[in-house]
Amino acid sequence: MCQGLLKENPQLAAAHFFLGVIRTAAGQVQAAEECLNRALYLDADFYEALIHLSLLKARRGDEAGAERLRRHAERIRDQPKVTK
């Protein structure tokens, strides 16, 4: 489904995120990181993608990269919500 959505709209950050989660579950860690990086390229403040990618980086020993992503996620989480 995600790949079908991305064929129609390659700019859909959520589809890249979910594909990253699916690839993580399938043990395709490098492909998962690529998907999550694409999601963050399209939406730099995508909280769930930041957290998920930080966990993958920590798992492979990139603590500095994981911490950078966690700090970014914390800033987003702590921002006041703006309603329109």
C-alpha atoms as a PDB file:
ATOM      1  CA  MET A   1       0.000   0.000   0.000  1.00  0.00           C
ATOM      2  CA  CYS A   2       2.787   2.432   0.911  1.00  0.00           C
ATOM      3  CA  GLN A   3       4.570   1.897  -2.373  1.00  0.00           C
ATOM      4  CA  GLY A   4       1.306   2.443  -4.249  1.00  0.00           C
ATOM      5  CA  LEU A   5       0.731   5.697  -2.401  1.00  0.00           C
ATOM      6  CA  LEU A   6       4.275   6.805  -3.136  1.00  0.00           C
ATOM      7  CA  LYS A   7       3.806   6.140  -6.862  1.00  0.00           C
ATOM      8  CA  GLU A   8       0.853   8.522  -6.778  1.00  0.00           C
ATOM      9  CA  ASN A   9       2.481  11.052  -4.435  1.00  0.00           C
ATOM     10  CA  PRO A  10       6.216  10.625  -3.788  1.00  0.00           C
ATOM     11  CA  GLN A  11       6.123  13.630  -1.447  1.00  0.00           C
ATOM     12  CA  LEU A  12       3.946  11.854   1.133  1.00  0.00           C
ATOM     13  CA  ALA A  13       6.120  11.789   4.272  1.00  0.00           C
ATOM     14  CA  ALA A  14       3.735   9.495   6.171  1.00  0.00           C
ATOM     15  CA  ALA A  15       4.006   6.774   3.513  1.00  0.00           C
ATOM     16  CA  HIS A  16       7.811   6.896   3.704  1.00  0.00           C
ATOM     17  CA  PHE A  17       7.555   6.686   7.504  1.00  0.00           C
ATOM     18  CA  PHE A  18       5.255   3.659   7.509  1.00  0.00           C
ATOM     19  CA  LEU A  19       7.391   1.939   4.882  1.00  0.00           C
ATOM     20  CA  GLY A  20      10.369   2.523   7.196  1.00  0.00           C
ATOM     21  CA  VAL A  21       8.515   0.938  10.102  1.00  0.00           C
ATOM     22  CA  ILE A  22       7.573  -2.051   7.951  1.00  0.00           C
ATOM     23  CA  ARG A  23      11.139  -2.463   6.736  1.00  0.00           C
ATOM     24  CA  THR A  24      12.416  -2.276  10.316  1.00  0.00           C
ATOM     25  CA  ALA A  25      10.053  -5.085  11.297  1.00  0.00           C
ATOM     26  CA  ALA A  26      11.305  -7.097   8.320  1.00  0.00           C
ATOM     27  CA  GLY A  27      14.905  -6.669   9.475  1.00  0.00           C
ATOM     28  CA  GLN A  28      15.827  -4.375   6.560  1.00  0.00           C
ATOM     29  CA  VAL A  29      17.500  -1.768   8.751  1.00  0.00           C
ATOM     30  CA  GLN A  30      19.410   0.134   6.047  1.00  0.00           C
ATOM     31  CA  ALA A  31      16.306   0.379   3.843  1.00  0.00           C
ATOM     32  CA  ALA A  32      14.294   1.457   6.881  1.00  0.00           C
ATOM     33  CA  GLU A  33      16.768   4.254   7.641  1.00  0.00           C
ATOM     34  CA  GLU A  34      16.565   5.434   4.033  1.00  0.00           C
ATOM     35  CA  CYS A  35      12.766   5.590   4.230  1.00  0.00           C
ATOM     36  CA  LEU A  36      12.827   7.445   7.533  1.00  0.00           C
ATOM     37  CA  ASN A  37      15.414   9.897   6.211  1.00  0.00           C
ATOM     38  CA  ARG A  38      13.146  10.581   3.223  1.00  0.00           C
ATOM     39  CA  ALA A  39      10.217  11.197   5.559  1.00  0.00           C
ATOM     40  CA  LEU A  40      12.319  13.674   7.537  1.00  0.00           C
ATOM     41  CA  TYR A  41      13.561  15.350   4.364  1.00  0.00           C
ATOM     42  CA  LEU A  42       9.926  15.978   3.429  1.00  0.00           C
ATOM     43  CA  ASP A  43       8.858  16.929   6.968  1.00  0.00           C
ATOM     44  CA  ALA A  44      11.767  17.827   9.242  1.00  0.00           C
ATOM     45  CA  ASP A  45       9.421  17.982  12.254  1.00  0.00           C
ATOM     46  CA  PHE A  46       7.866  14.516  11.821  1.00  0.00           C
ATOM     47  CA  TYR A  47       8.057  13.502  15.497  1.00  0.00           C
ATOM     48  CA  GLU A  48       7.455   9.765  15.069  1.00  0.00           C
ATOM     49  CA  ALA A  49      10.050   9.506  12.291  1.00  0.00           C
ATOM     50  CA  LEU A  50      12.603  11.322  14.457  1.00  0.00           C
ATOM     51  CA  ILE A  51      12.023   8.923  17.358  1.00  0.00           C
ATOM     52  CA  HIS A  52      12.050   5.800  15.199  1.00  0.00           C
ATOM     53  CA  LEU A  53      15.219   6.823  13.361  1.00  0.00           C
ATOM     54  CA  SER A  54      16.909   7.716  16.655  1.00  0.00           C
ATOM     55  CA  LEU A  55      16.184   4.192  17.921  1.00  0.00           C
ATOM     56  CA  LEU A  56      17.665   2.643  14.773  1.00  0.00           C
ATOM     57  CA  LYS A  57      20.784   4.793  15.049  1.00  0.00           C
ATOM     58  CA  ALA A  58      21.215   3.883  18.723  1.00  0.00           C
ATOM     59  CA  ARG A  59      20.798   0.190  17.902  1.00  0.00           C
ATOM     60  CA  ARG A  60      23.677   0.319  15.431  1.00  0.00           C
ATOM     61  CA  GLY A  61      25.878   2.306  17.820  1.00  0.00           C
ATOM     62  CA  ASP A  62      25.507   5.842  16.463  1.00  0.00           C
ATOM     63  CA  GLU A  63      24.768   7.433  19.837  1.00  0.00           C
ATOM     64  CA  ALA A  64      25.677  10.951  18.660  1.00  0.00           C
ATOM     65  CA  GLY A  65      23.234  10.730  15.744  1.00  0.00           C
ATOM     66  CA  ALA A  66      20.565   9.201  17.963  1.00  0.00           C
ATOM     67  CA  GLU A  67      20.955  11.942  20.569  1.00  0.00           C
ATOM     68  CA  ARG A  68      20.743  14.689  17.937  1.00  0.00           C
ATOM     69  CA  LEU A  69      17.457  13.247  16.669  1.00  0.00           C
ATOM     70  CA  ARG A  70      16.082  12.841  20.216  1.00  0.00           C
ATOM     71  CA  ARG A  71      16.857  16.494  21.037  1.00  0.00           C
ATOM     72  CA  HIS A  72      15.092  17.607  17.868  1.00  0.00           C
ATOM     73  CA  ALA A  73      12.085  15.438  18.777  1.00  0.00           C
ATOM     74  CA  GLU A  74      11.997  16.923  22.288  1.00  0.00           C
ATOM     75  CA  ARG A  75      11.964  20.463  20.880  1.00  0.00           C
ATOM     76  CA  ILE A  76       9.030  19.557  18.639  1.00  0.00           C
ATOM     77  CA  ARG A  77       7.156  17.832  21.467  1.00  0.00           C
ATOM     78  CA  ASP A  78       7.587  20.835  23.738  1.00  0.00           C
ATOM     79  CA  GLN A  79       6.431  23.415  21.184  1.00  0.00           C
ATOM     80  CA  PRO A  80       3.063  25.001  21.944  1.00  0.00           C
ATOM     81  CA  LYS A  81       0.316  23.747  19.653  1.00  0.00           C
ATOM     82  CA  VAL A  82      -1.053  26.320  17.238  1.00  0.00           C
ATOM     83  CA  THR A  83      -4.671  25.899  16.195  1.00  0.00           C
ATOM     84  CA  LYS A  84      -6.107  27.505  13.098  1.00  0.00           C
END
